PDB file of N, CA and C in Angstrom:
ATOM      1  N   MET A   1     -25.878   9.293  -4.960  1.00  0.00           N
ATOM      2  CA  MET A   1     -24.942  10.067  -5.744  1.00  0.00           C
ATOM      3  C   MET A   1     -24.645   9.398  -7.083  1.00  0.00           C
ATOM      4  N   TRP A   2     -24.649   8.076  -7.144  1.00  0.00           N
ATOM      5  CA  TRP A   2     -24.289   7.376  -8.377  1.00  0.00           C
ATOM      6  C   TRP A   2     -25.507   7.040  -9.220  1.00  0.00           C
ATOM      7  N   LEU A   3     -26.664   7.495  -8.817  1.00  0.00           N
ATOM      8  CA  LEU A   3     -27.880   7.129  -9.525  1.00  0.00           C
ATOM      9  C   LEU A   3     -28.178   8.106 -10.650  1.00  0.00           C
ATOM     10  N   PRO A   4     -28.701   7.604 -11.761  1.00  0.00           N
ATOM     11  CA  PRO A   4     -29.165   8.531 -12.795  1.00  0.00           C
ATOM     12  C   PRO A   4     -30.346   9.316 -12.252  1.00  0.00           C
ATOM     13  N   ALA A   5     -30.718  10.372 -12.943  1.00  0.00           N
ATOM     14  CA  ALA A   5     -31.777  11.269 -12.468  1.00  0.00           C
ATOM     15  C   ALA A   5     -33.032  10.510 -12.073  1.00  0.00           C
ATOM     16  N   ASN A   6     -33.433   9.506 -12.840  1.00  0.00           N
ATOM     17  CA  ASN A   6     -34.648   8.757 -12.532  1.00  0.00           C
ATOM     18  C   ASN A   6     -34.350   7.401 -11.899  1.00  0.00           C
ATOM     19  N   GLY A   7     -33.128   7.152 -11.504  1.00  0.00           N
ATOM     20  CA  GLY A   7     -32.730   5.839 -10.999  1.00  0.00           C
ATOM     21  C   GLY A   7     -33.420   5.418  -9.733  1.00  0.00           C
ATOM     22  N   MET A   8     -33.595   6.342  -8.799  1.00  0.00           N
ATOM     23  CA  MET A   8     -34.233   5.979  -7.544  1.00  0.00           C
ATOM     24  C   MET A   8     -35.674   5.553  -7.776  1.00  0.00           C
ATOM     25  N   GLU A   9     -36.335   6.223  -8.696  1.00  0.00           N
ATOM     26  CA  GLU A   9     -37.724   5.877  -8.998  1.00  0.00           C
ATOM     27  C   GLU A   9     -37.822   4.476  -9.601  1.00  0.00           C
ATOM     28  N   GLU A  10     -36.793   4.090 -10.346  1.00  0.00           N
ATOM     29  CA  GLU A  10     -36.798   2.788 -11.006  1.00  0.00           C
ATOM     30  C   GLU A  10     -36.113   1.710 -10.174  1.00  0.00           C
ATOM     31  N   GLY A  11     -35.568   2.060  -9.015  1.00  0.00           N
ATOM     32  CA  GLY A  11     -34.880   1.101  -8.175  1.00  0.00           C
ATOM     33  C   GLY A  11     -33.504   0.720  -8.701  1.00  0.00           C
ATOM     34  N   PHE A  12     -32.921   1.552  -9.525  1.00  0.00           N
ATOM     35  CA  PHE A  12     -31.625   1.263 -10.154  1.00  0.00           C
ATOM     36  C   PHE A  12     -30.478   1.669  -9.237  1.00  0.00           C
ATOM     37  N   ASN A  13     -29.498   0.808  -9.119  1.00  0.00           N
ATOM     38  CA  ASN A  13     -28.288   1.134  -8.383  1.00  0.00           C
ATOM     39  C   ASN A  13     -27.135   0.343  -9.007  1.00  0.00           C
ATOM     40  N   PRO A  14     -26.093   0.998  -9.508  1.00  0.00           N
ATOM     41  CA  PRO A  14     -24.973   0.269 -10.101  1.00  0.00           C
ATOM     42  C   PRO A  14     -24.317  -0.652  -9.076  1.00  0.00           C
ATOM     43  N   PRO A  15     -23.676  -1.730  -9.535  1.00  0.00           N
ATOM     44  CA  PRO A  15     -22.981  -2.636  -8.618  1.00  0.00           C
ATOM     45  C   PRO A  15     -21.896  -1.895  -7.836  1.00  0.00           C
ATOM     46  N   GLU A  16     -21.556  -2.417  -6.665  1.00  0.00           N
ATOM     47  CA  GLU A  16     -20.537  -1.780  -5.825  1.00  0.00           C
ATOM     48  C   GLU A  16     -19.211  -1.627  -6.566  1.00  0.00           C
ATOM     49  N   SER A  17     -18.858  -2.606  -7.387  1.00  0.00           N
ATOM     50  CA  SER A  17     -17.587  -2.519  -8.122  1.00  0.00           C
ATOM     51  C   SER A  17     -17.589  -1.322  -9.069  1.00  0.00           C
ATOM     52  N   ALA A  18     -18.742  -1.042  -9.684  1.00  0.00           N
ATOM     53  CA  ALA A  18     -18.840   0.117 -10.571  1.00  0.00           C
ATOM     54  C   ALA A  18     -18.799   1.411  -9.771  1.00  0.00           C
ATOM     55  N   GLN A  19     -19.393   1.405  -8.600  1.00  0.00           N
ATOM     56  CA  GLN A  19     -19.351   2.588  -7.746  1.00  0.00           C
ATOM     57  C   GLN A  19     -17.918   2.857  -7.282  1.00  0.00           C
ATOM     58  N   LEU A  20     -17.164   1.790  -6.988  1.00  0.00           N
ATOM     59  CA  LEU A  20     -15.760   1.954  -6.599  1.00  0.00           C
ATOM     60  C   LEU A  20     -14.946   2.515  -7.769  1.00  0.00           C
ATOM     61  N   LEU A  21     -15.164   1.977  -8.948  1.00  0.00           N
ATOM     62  CA  LEU A  21     -14.489   2.466 -10.152  1.00  0.00           C
ATOM     63  C   LEU A  21     -14.772   3.959 -10.336  1.00  0.00           C
ATOM     64  N   ALA A  22     -16.022   4.349 -10.229  1.00  0.00           N
ATOM     65  CA  ALA A  22     -16.389   5.755 -10.391  1.00  0.00           C
ATOM     66  C   ALA A  22     -15.761   6.617  -9.301  1.00  0.00           C
ATOM     67  N   SER A  23     -15.704   6.095  -8.108  1.00  0.00           N
ATOM     68  CA  SER A  23     -15.077   6.830  -7.002  1.00  0.00           C
ATOM     69  C   SER A  23     -13.595   7.062  -7.275  1.00  0.00           C
ATOM     70  N   HIS A  24     -12.910   6.038  -7.773  1.00  0.00           N
ATOM     71  CA  HIS A  24     -11.488   6.184  -8.133  1.00  0.00           C
ATOM     72  C   HIS A  24     -11.313   7.254  -9.210  1.00  0.00           C
ATOM     73  N   ILE A  25     -12.185   7.241 -10.192  1.00  0.00           N
ATOM     74  CA  ILE A  25     -12.085   8.221 -11.283  1.00  0.00           C
ATOM     75  C   ILE A  25     -12.248   9.636 -10.733  1.00  0.00           C
ATOM     76  N   LEU A  26     -13.210   9.821  -9.868  1.00  0.00           N
ATOM     77  CA  LEU A  26     -13.451  11.148  -9.310  1.00  0.00           C
ATOM     78  C   LEU A  26     -12.300  11.616  -8.413  1.00  0.00           C
ATOM     79  N   ARG A  27     -11.743  10.699  -7.627  1.00  0.00           N
ATOM     80  CA  ARG A  27     -10.705  11.104  -6.678  1.00  0.00           C
ATOM     81  C   ARG A  27      -9.290  11.048  -7.246  1.00  0.00           C
ATOM     82  N   ARG A  28      -8.984  10.000  -8.037  1.00  0.00           N
ATOM     83  CA  ARG A  28      -7.604   9.787  -8.502  1.00  0.00           C
ATOM     84  C   ARG A  28      -7.456   9.954 -10.008  1.00  0.00           C
ATOM     85  N   HIS A  29      -8.559  10.198 -10.713  1.00  0.00           N
ATOM     86  CA  HIS A  29      -8.580  10.464 -12.154  1.00  0.00           C
ATOM     87  C   HIS A  29      -8.220   9.260 -13.015  1.00  0.00           C
ATOM     88  N   ASN A  30      -8.360   8.057 -12.442  1.00  0.00           N
ATOM     89  CA  ASN A  30      -8.213   6.836 -13.224  1.00  0.00           C
ATOM     90  C   ASN A  30      -9.001   5.734 -12.528  1.00  0.00           C
ATOM     91  N   PRO A  31      -9.472   4.727 -13.266  1.00  0.00           N
ATOM     92  CA  PRO A  31     -10.366   3.713 -12.699  1.00  0.00           C
ATOM     93  C   PRO A  31      -9.724   2.782 -11.678  1.00  0.00           C
ATOM     94  N   GLU A  32      -8.417   2.706 -11.656  1.00  0.00           N
ATOM     95  CA  GLU A  32      -7.750   1.816 -10.710  1.00  0.00           C
ATOM     96  C   GLU A  32      -7.390   2.518  -9.408  1.00  0.00           C
ATOM     97  N   GLY A  33      -7.540   3.835  -9.373  1.00  0.00           N
ATOM     98  CA  GLY A  33      -7.177   4.577  -8.175  1.00  0.00           C
ATOM     99  C   GLY A  33      -5.673   4.677  -7.968  1.00  0.00           C
ATOM    100  N   ARG A  34      -4.927   4.467  -9.029  1.00  0.00           N
ATOM    101  CA  ARG A  34      -3.462   4.521  -8.945  1.00  0.00           C
ATOM    102  C   ARG A  34      -2.977   5.963  -8.982  1.00  0.00           C
ATOM    103  N   SER A  35      -1.748   6.156  -8.603  1.00  0.00           N
ATOM    104  CA  SER A  35      -1.148   7.478  -8.679  1.00  0.00           C
ATOM    105  C   SER A  35      -1.051   7.890 -10.139  1.00  0.00           C
ATOM    106  N   GLN A  36      -1.393   9.129 -10.426  1.00  0.00           N
ATOM    107  CA  GLN A  36      -1.313   9.627 -11.796  1.00  0.00           C
ATOM    108  C   GLN A  36       0.136   9.632 -12.301  1.00  0.00           C
ATOM    109  N   ASP A  37       1.089   9.641 -11.398  1.00  0.00           N
ATOM    110  CA  ASP A  37       2.500   9.584 -11.810  1.00  0.00           C
ATOM    111  C   ASP A  37       2.812   8.280 -12.534  1.00  0.00           C
ATOM    112  N   LYS A  38       2.036   7.238 -12.283  1.00  0.00           N
ATOM    113  CA  LYS A  38       2.234   5.935 -12.936  1.00  0.00           C
ATOM    114  C   LYS A  38       1.722   5.928 -14.372  1.00  0.00           C
ATOM    115  N   ARG A  39       0.944   6.947 -14.755  1.00  0.00           N
ATOM    116  CA  ARG A  39       0.322   6.998 -16.072  1.00  0.00           C
ATOM    117  C   ARG A  39       1.345   7.048 -17.202  1.00  0.00           C
ATOM    118  N   THR A  40       2.533   7.515 -16.960  1.00  0.00           N
ATOM    119  CA  THR A  40       3.546   7.653 -18.015  1.00  0.00           C
ATOM    120  C   THR A  40       4.538   6.490 -18.057  1.00  0.00           C
ATOM    121  N   GLU A  41       4.360   5.486 -17.236  1.00  0.00           N
ATOM    122  CA  GLU A  41       5.323   4.378 -17.186  1.00  0.00           C
ATOM    123  C   GLU A  41       5.385   3.558 -18.461  1.00  0.00           C
ATOM    124  N   TRP A  42       4.411   3.675 -19.330  1.00  0.00           N
ATOM    125  CA  TRP A  42       4.405   2.936 -20.582  1.00  0.00           C
ATOM    126  C   TRP A  42       5.436   3.482 -21.568  1.00  0.00           C
ATOM    127  N   MET A  43       5.898   4.712 -21.375  1.00  0.00           N
ATOM    128  CA  MET A  43       6.755   5.387 -22.358  1.00  0.00           C
ATOM    129  C   MET A  43       8.215   4.943 -22.257  1.00  0.00           C
ATOM    130  N   PRO A  44       8.729   4.308 -23.294  1.00  0.00           N
ATOM    131  CA  PRO A  44      10.158   3.994 -23.305  1.00  0.00           C
ATOM    132  C   PRO A  44      10.946   5.244 -23.706  1.00  0.00           C
ATOM    133  N   PRO A  45      12.223   5.268 -23.417  1.00  0.00           N
ATOM    134  CA  PRO A  45      13.049   6.401 -23.854  1.00  0.00           C
ATOM    135  C   PRO A  45      13.045   6.500 -25.378  1.00  0.00           C
ATOM    136  N   GLY A  46      13.180   7.702 -25.873  1.00  0.00           N
ATOM    137  CA  GLY A  46      13.303   7.901 -27.307  1.00  0.00           C
ATOM    138  C   GLY A  46      12.048   8.384 -28.006  1.00  0.00           C
ATOM    139  N   LEU A  47      10.893   8.249 -27.355  1.00  0.00           N
ATOM    140  CA  LEU A  47       9.680   8.776 -27.959  1.00  0.00           C
ATOM    141  C   LEU A  47       9.677  10.296 -27.821  1.00  0.00           C
ATOM    142  N   LYS A  48       9.227  10.967 -28.868  1.00  0.00           N
ATOM    143  CA  LYS A  48       9.220  12.428 -28.844  1.00  0.00           C
ATOM    144  C   LYS A  48       7.784  12.935 -28.725  1.00  0.00           C
ATOM    145  N   VAL A  49       7.514  13.604 -27.615  1.00  0.00           N
ATOM    146  CA  VAL A  49       6.226  14.242 -27.383  1.00  0.00           C
ATOM    147  C   VAL A  49       6.483  15.689 -27.014  1.00  0.00           C
ATOM    148  N   SER A  50       5.439  16.484 -27.100  1.00  0.00           N
ATOM    149  CA  SER A  50       5.566  17.911 -26.854  1.00  0.00           C
ATOM    150  C   SER A  50       4.595  18.354 -25.773  1.00  0.00           C
ATOM    151  N   GLU A  51       4.882  19.493 -25.163  1.00  0.00           N
ATOM    152  CA  GLU A  51       3.973  20.060 -24.167  1.00  0.00           C
ATOM    153  C   GLU A  51       2.984  21.036 -24.794  1.00  0.00           C
ATOM    154  N   SER A  52       3.229  21.426 -26.036  1.00  0.00           N
ATOM    155  CA  SER A  52       2.299  22.316 -26.728  1.00  0.00           C
ATOM    156  C   SER A  52       2.342  22.008 -28.213  1.00  0.00           C
ATOM    157  N   GLY A  53       1.276  22.355 -28.899  1.00  0.00           N
ATOM    158  CA  GLY A  53       1.210  22.114 -30.329  1.00  0.00           C
ATOM    159  C   GLY A  53      -0.225  21.954 -30.791  1.00  0.00           C
ATOM    160  N   GLU A  54      -0.376  21.566 -32.040  1.00  0.00           N
ATOM    161  CA  GLU A  54      -1.709  21.444 -32.640  1.00  0.00           C
ATOM    162  C   GLU A  54      -2.243  20.020 -32.643  1.00  0.00           C
ATOM    163  N   ILE A  55      -1.372  19.042 -32.502  1.00  0.00           N
ATOM    164  CA  ILE A  55      -1.798  17.641 -32.543  1.00  0.00           C
ATOM    165  C   ILE A  55      -1.549  17.013 -31.181  1.00  0.00           C
ATOM    166  N   GLY A  56      -2.604  16.445 -30.618  1.00  0.00           N
ATOM    167  CA  GLY A  56      -2.494  15.784 -29.328  1.00  0.00           C
ATOM    168  C   GLY A  56      -2.735  14.294 -29.463  1.00  0.00           C
ATOM    169  N   TYR A  57      -2.236  13.546 -28.502  1.00  0.00           N
ATOM    170  CA  TYR A  57      -2.480  12.108 -28.468  1.00  0.00           C
ATOM    171  C   TYR A  57      -3.030  11.763 -27.092  1.00  0.00           C
ATOM    172  N   TRP A  58      -4.239  11.215 -27.072  1.00  0.00           N
ATOM    173  CA  TRP A  58      -4.898  10.784 -25.852  1.00  0.00           C
ATOM    174  C   TRP A  58      -4.648   9.295 -25.704  1.00  0.00           C
ATOM    175  N   VAL A  59      -3.863   8.907 -24.719  1.00  0.00           N
ATOM    176  CA  VAL A  59      -3.507   7.501 -24.531  1.00  0.00           C
ATOM    177  C   VAL A  59      -4.668   6.730 -23.906  1.00  0.00           C
ATOM    178  N   GLY A  60      -5.293   7.296 -22.888  1.00  0.00           N
ATOM    179  CA  GLY A  60      -6.396   6.627 -22.209  1.00  0.00           C
ATOM    180  C   GLY A  60      -5.913   5.722 -21.091  1.00  0.00           C
ATOM    181  N   CYS A  61      -6.818   5.359 -20.216  1.00  0.00           N
ATOM    182  CA  CYS A  61      -6.467   4.567 -19.032  1.00  0.00           C
ATOM    183  C   CYS A  61      -5.996   3.154 -19.362  1.00  0.00           C
ATOM    184  N   ASN A  62      -6.701   2.483 -20.266  1.00  0.00           N
ATOM    185  CA  ASN A  62      -6.328   1.094 -20.560  1.00  0.00           C
ATOM    186  C   ASN A  62      -4.906   0.994 -21.082  1.00  0.00           C
ATOM    187  N   ALA A  63      -4.566   1.794 -22.063  1.00  0.00           N
ATOM    188  CA  ALA A  63      -3.220   1.732 -22.634  1.00  0.00           C
ATOM    189  C   ALA A  63      -2.174   2.284 -21.672  1.00  0.00           C
ATOM    190  N   SER A  64      -2.555   3.217 -20.819  1.00  0.00           N
ATOM    191  CA  SER A  64      -1.603   3.775 -19.862  1.00  0.00           C
ATOM    192  C   SER A  64      -1.225   2.781 -18.774  1.00  0.00           C
ATOM    193  N   PHE A  65      -2.200   2.015 -18.300  1.00  0.00           N
ATOM    194  CA  PHE A  65      -1.967   1.162 -17.137  1.00  0.00           C
ATOM    195  C   PHE A  65      -1.894  -0.327 -17.427  1.00  0.00           C
ATOM    196  N   SER A  66      -2.327  -0.782 -18.583  1.00  0.00           N
ATOM    197  CA  SER A  66      -2.338  -2.206 -18.883  1.00  0.00           C
ATOM    198  C   SER A  66      -1.063  -2.619 -19.616  1.00  0.00           C
ATOM    199  N   GLN A  67      -0.327  -3.506 -19.011  1.00  0.00           N
ATOM    200  CA  GLN A  67       0.927  -3.999 -19.594  1.00  0.00           C
ATOM    201  C   GLN A  67       0.700  -4.593 -20.983  1.00  0.00           C
ATOM    202  N   SER A  68      -0.428  -5.282 -21.165  1.00  0.00           N
ATOM    203  CA  SER A  68      -0.677  -5.952 -22.444  1.00  0.00           C
ATOM    204  C   SER A  68      -1.037  -4.989 -23.570  1.00  0.00           C
ATOM    205  N   LEU A  69      -1.383  -3.749 -23.244  1.00  0.00           N
ATOM    206  CA  LEU A  69      -1.765  -2.777 -24.275  1.00  0.00           C
ATOM    207  C   LEU A  69      -0.716  -1.695 -24.510  1.00  0.00           C
ATOM    208  N   ARG A  70       0.389  -1.763 -23.820  1.00  0.00           N
ATOM    209  CA  ARG A  70       1.377  -0.685 -23.908  1.00  0.00           C
ATOM    210  C   ARG A  70       1.995  -0.529 -25.294  1.00  0.00           C
ATOM    211  N   ASN A  71       1.958  -1.565 -26.101  1.00  0.00           N
ATOM    212  CA  ASN A  71       2.508  -1.430 -27.449  1.00  0.00           C
ATOM    213  C   ASN A  71       1.675  -0.485 -28.310  1.00  0.00           C
ATOM    214  N   LEU A  72       0.397  -0.303 -27.980  1.00  0.00           N
ATOM    215  CA  LEU A  72      -0.471   0.575 -28.767  1.00  0.00           C
ATOM    216  C   LEU A  72      -0.003   2.033 -28.715  1.00  0.00           C
ATOM    217  N   PRO A  73       0.136   2.663 -27.542  1.00  0.00           N
ATOM    218  CA  PRO A  73       0.608   4.049 -27.544  1.00  0.00           C
ATOM    219  C   PRO A  73       2.068   4.182 -28.003  1.00  0.00           C
ATOM    220  N   VAL A  74       2.897   3.206 -27.671  1.00  0.00           N
ATOM    221  CA  VAL A  74       4.300   3.272 -28.094  1.00  0.00           C
ATOM    222  C   VAL A  74       4.390   3.302 -29.614  1.00  0.00           C
ATOM    223  N   ASN A  75       3.711   2.371 -30.261  1.00  0.00           N
ATOM    224  CA  ASN A  75       3.776   2.316 -31.721  1.00  0.00           C
ATOM    225  C   ASN A  75       3.064   3.484 -32.388  1.00  0.00           C
ATOM    226  N   THR A  76       1.994   3.977 -31.769  1.00  0.00           N
ATOM    227  CA  THR A  76       1.309   5.147 -32.317  1.00  0.00           C
ATOM    228  C   THR A  76       2.245   6.353 -32.331  1.00  0.00           C
ATOM    229  N   ILE A  77       2.930   6.582 -31.233  1.00  0.00           N
ATOM    230  CA  ILE A  77       3.841   7.731 -31.184  1.00  0.00           C
ATOM    231  C   ILE A  77       5.050   7.501 -32.091  1.00  0.00           C
ATOM    232  N   ARG A  78       5.508   6.277 -32.202  1.00  0.00           N
ATOM    233  CA  ARG A  78       6.605   5.999 -33.144  1.00  0.00           C
ATOM    234  C   ARG A  78       6.197   6.351 -34.574  1.00  0.00           C
ATOM    235  N   ILE A  79       4.986   5.980 -34.951  1.00  0.00           N
ATOM    236  CA  ILE A  79       4.496   6.299 -36.298  1.00  0.00           C
ATOM    237  C   ILE A  79       4.389   7.809 -36.478  1.00  0.00           C
ATOM    238  N   LEU A  80       3.819   8.484 -35.483  1.00  0.00           N
ATOM    239  CA  LEU A  80       3.716   9.945 -35.566  1.00  0.00           C
ATOM    240  C   LEU A  80       5.096  10.590 -35.655  1.00  0.00           C
ATOM    241  N   ASN A  81       6.048  10.098 -34.867  1.00  0.00           N
ATOM    242  CA  ASN A  81       7.402  10.638 -34.915  1.00  0.00           C
ATOM    243  C   ASN A  81       8.043  10.432 -36.276  1.00  0.00           C
ATOM    244  N   LYS A  82       7.825   9.261 -36.879  1.00  0.00           N
ATOM    245  CA  LYS A  82       8.371   9.002 -38.225  1.00  0.00           C
ATOM    246  C   LYS A  82       7.790   9.967 -39.248  1.00  0.00           C
ATOM    247  N   ALA A  83       6.555  10.434 -38.992  1.00  0.00           N
ATOM    248  CA  ALA A  83       5.908  11.395 -39.883  1.00  0.00           C
ATOM    249  C   ALA A  83       6.307  12.833 -39.537  1.00  0.00           C
ATOM    250  N   GLY A  84       7.225  12.979 -38.595  1.00  0.00           N
ATOM    251  CA  GLY A  84       7.692  14.302 -38.205  1.00  0.00           C
ATOM    252  C   GLY A  84       6.786  15.010 -37.202  1.00  0.00           C
ATOM    253  N   ILE A  85       5.940  14.248 -36.540  1.00  0.00           N
ATOM    254  CA  ILE A  85       4.991  14.827 -35.585  1.00  0.00           C
ATOM    255  C   ILE A  85       5.398  14.457 -34.168  1.00  0.00           C
ATOM    256  N   GLU A  86       5.482  15.460 -33.318  1.00  0.00           N
ATOM    257  CA  GLU A  86       5.688  15.263 -31.887  1.00  0.00           C
ATOM    258  C   GLU A  86       4.389  15.671 -31.205  1.00  0.00           C
ATOM    259  N   PRO A  87       3.509  14.701 -30.929  1.00  0.00           N
ATOM    260  CA  PRO A  87       2.181  15.051 -30.410  1.00  0.00           C
ATOM    261  C   PRO A  87       2.245  15.579 -28.979  1.00  0.00           C
ATOM    262  N   VAL A  88       1.277  16.397 -28.657  1.00  0.00           N
ATOM    263  CA  VAL A  88       1.124  16.839 -27.280  1.00  0.00           C
ATOM    264  C   VAL A  88       0.604  15.648 -26.479  1.00  0.00           C
ATOM    265  N   TYR A  89       1.234  15.379 -25.370  1.00  0.00           N
ATOM    266  CA  TYR A  89       0.803  14.308 -24.481  1.00  0.00           C
ATOM    267  C   TYR A  89       0.720  14.895 -23.077  1.00  0.00           C
ATOM    268  N   LEU A  90      -0.417  14.716 -22.433  1.00  0.00           N
ATOM    269  CA  LEU A  90      -0.650  15.332 -21.131  1.00  0.00           C
ATOM    270  C   LEU A  90       0.004  14.594 -19.967  1.00  0.00           C
ATOM    271  N   GLY A  91       0.427  13.356 -20.180  1.00  0.00           N
ATOM    272  CA  GLY A  91       1.091  12.603 -19.118  1.00  0.00           C
ATOM    273  C   GLY A  91       0.218  12.466 -17.888  1.00  0.00           C
ATOM    274  N   SER A  92       0.760  12.825 -16.734  1.00  0.00           N
ATOM    275  CA  SER A  92       0.017  12.672 -15.479  1.00  0.00           C
ATOM    276  C   SER A  92      -1.169  13.623 -15.381  1.00  0.00           C
ATOM    277  N   GLN A  93      -1.273  14.581 -16.301  1.00  0.00           N
ATOM    278  CA  GLN A  93      -2.414  15.493 -16.328  1.00  0.00           C
ATOM    279  C   GLN A  93      -3.581  14.945 -17.153  1.00  0.00           C
ATOM    280  N   GLU A  94      -3.382  13.792 -17.800  1.00  0.00           N
ATOM    281  CA  GLU A  94      -4.462  13.156 -18.553  1.00  0.00           C
ATOM    282  C   GLU A  94      -5.398  12.473 -17.565  1.00  0.00           C
ATOM    283  N   TRP A  95      -6.677  12.774 -17.651  1.00  0.00           N
ATOM    284  CA  TRP A  95      -7.668  12.193 -16.757  1.00  0.00           C
ATOM    285  C   TRP A  95      -8.533  11.193 -17.504  1.00  0.00           C
ATOM    286  N   CYS A  96      -9.079  10.271 -16.752  1.00  0.00           N
ATOM    287  CA  CYS A  96      -9.985   9.262 -17.308  1.00  0.00           C
ATOM    288  C   CYS A  96     -11.205   9.931 -17.934  1.00  0.00           C
ATOM    289  N   CYS A  97     -11.652   9.386 -19.048  1.00  0.00           N
ATOM    290  CA  CYS A  97     -12.846   9.920 -19.719  1.00  0.00           C
ATOM    291  C   CYS A  97     -14.120   9.469 -19.019  1.00  0.00           C
ATOM    292  N   GLY A  98     -14.047   8.441 -18.187  1.00  0.00           N
ATOM    293  CA  GLY A  98     -15.204   7.979 -17.434  1.00  0.00           C
ATOM    294  C   GLY A  98     -16.108   7.004 -18.161  1.00  0.00           C
ATOM    295  N   SER A  99     -15.707   6.549 -19.340  1.00  0.00           N
ATOM    296  CA  SER A  99     -16.608   5.686 -20.122  1.00  0.00           C
ATOM    297  C   SER A  99     -16.941   4.374 -19.414  1.00  0.00           C
ATOM    298  N   GLY A 100     -15.977   3.810 -18.700  1.00  0.00           N
ATOM    299  CA  GLY A 100     -16.254   2.548 -17.977  1.00  0.00           C
ATOM    300  C   GLY A 100     -17.286   2.729 -16.877  1.00  0.00           C
ATOM    301  N   ALA A 101     -17.186   3.819 -16.135  1.00  0.00           N
ATOM    302  CA  ALA A 101     -18.158   4.096 -15.070  1.00  0.00           C
ATOM    303  C   ALA A 101     -19.530   4.377 -15.681  1.00  0.00           C
ATOM    304  N   TYR A 102     -19.542   5.121 -16.761  1.00  0.00           N
ATOM    305  CA  TYR A 102     -20.811   5.450 -17.435  1.00  0.00           C
ATOM    306  C   TYR A 102     -21.492   4.175 -17.945  1.00  0.00           C
ATOM    307  N   ALA A 103     -20.700   3.312 -18.587  1.00  0.00           N
ATOM    308  CA  ALA A 103     -21.248   2.068 -19.125  1.00  0.00           C
ATOM    309  C   ALA A 103     -21.778   1.161 -18.028  1.00  0.00           C
ATOM    310  N   ALA A 104     -21.189   1.267 -16.821  1.00  0.00           N
ATOM    311  CA  ALA A 104     -21.630   0.433 -15.704  1.00  0.00           C
ATOM    312  C   ALA A 104     -22.826   1.017 -14.974  1.00  0.00           C
ATOM    313  N   GLY A 105     -23.266   2.205 -15.423  1.00  0.00           N
ATOM    314  CA  GLY A 105     -24.465   2.791 -14.834  1.00  0.00           C
ATOM    315  C   GLY A 105     -24.233   3.939 -13.886  1.00  0.00           C
ATOM    316  N   CYS A 106     -22.992   4.354 -13.703  1.00  0.00           N
ATOM    317  CA  CYS A 106     -22.695   5.508 -12.841  1.00  0.00           C
ATOM    318  C   CYS A 106     -22.788   6.770 -13.703  1.00  0.00           C
ATOM    319  N   LEU A 107     -23.999   7.201 -13.948  1.00  0.00           N
ATOM    320  CA  LEU A 107     -24.251   8.265 -14.908  1.00  0.00           C
ATOM    321  C   LEU A 107     -23.940   9.657 -14.394  1.00  0.00           C
ATOM    322  N   ASP A 108     -23.963   9.864 -13.106  1.00  0.00           N
ATOM    323  CA  ASP A 108     -23.649  11.189 -12.575  1.00  0.00           C
ATOM    324  C   ASP A 108     -22.158  11.457 -12.665  1.00  0.00           C
TER     325      ASP A 108
END
């Protein structure tokens, strides 16, 4: 299931850790397999986001779940708010883009 179209012919198989990451993305929509409700924990009170509009902000898994990167989305939205923009943010409906699994060889 995790093999590229020609992977079996070439003997290619991603490492188990990459297969686990891909499995988490498919089942829980993030590479850590965490609850999607945790995706919004980076947001401090006072940030203004919208449920609809023309400008969206994609936070991504790393900034959503990594304590060391949380200043990136916070400051991005602060800057947008100062410019009078309340970006659409999907919150727990934001799903992983899958780039980590793809880079590790889980092409399907």
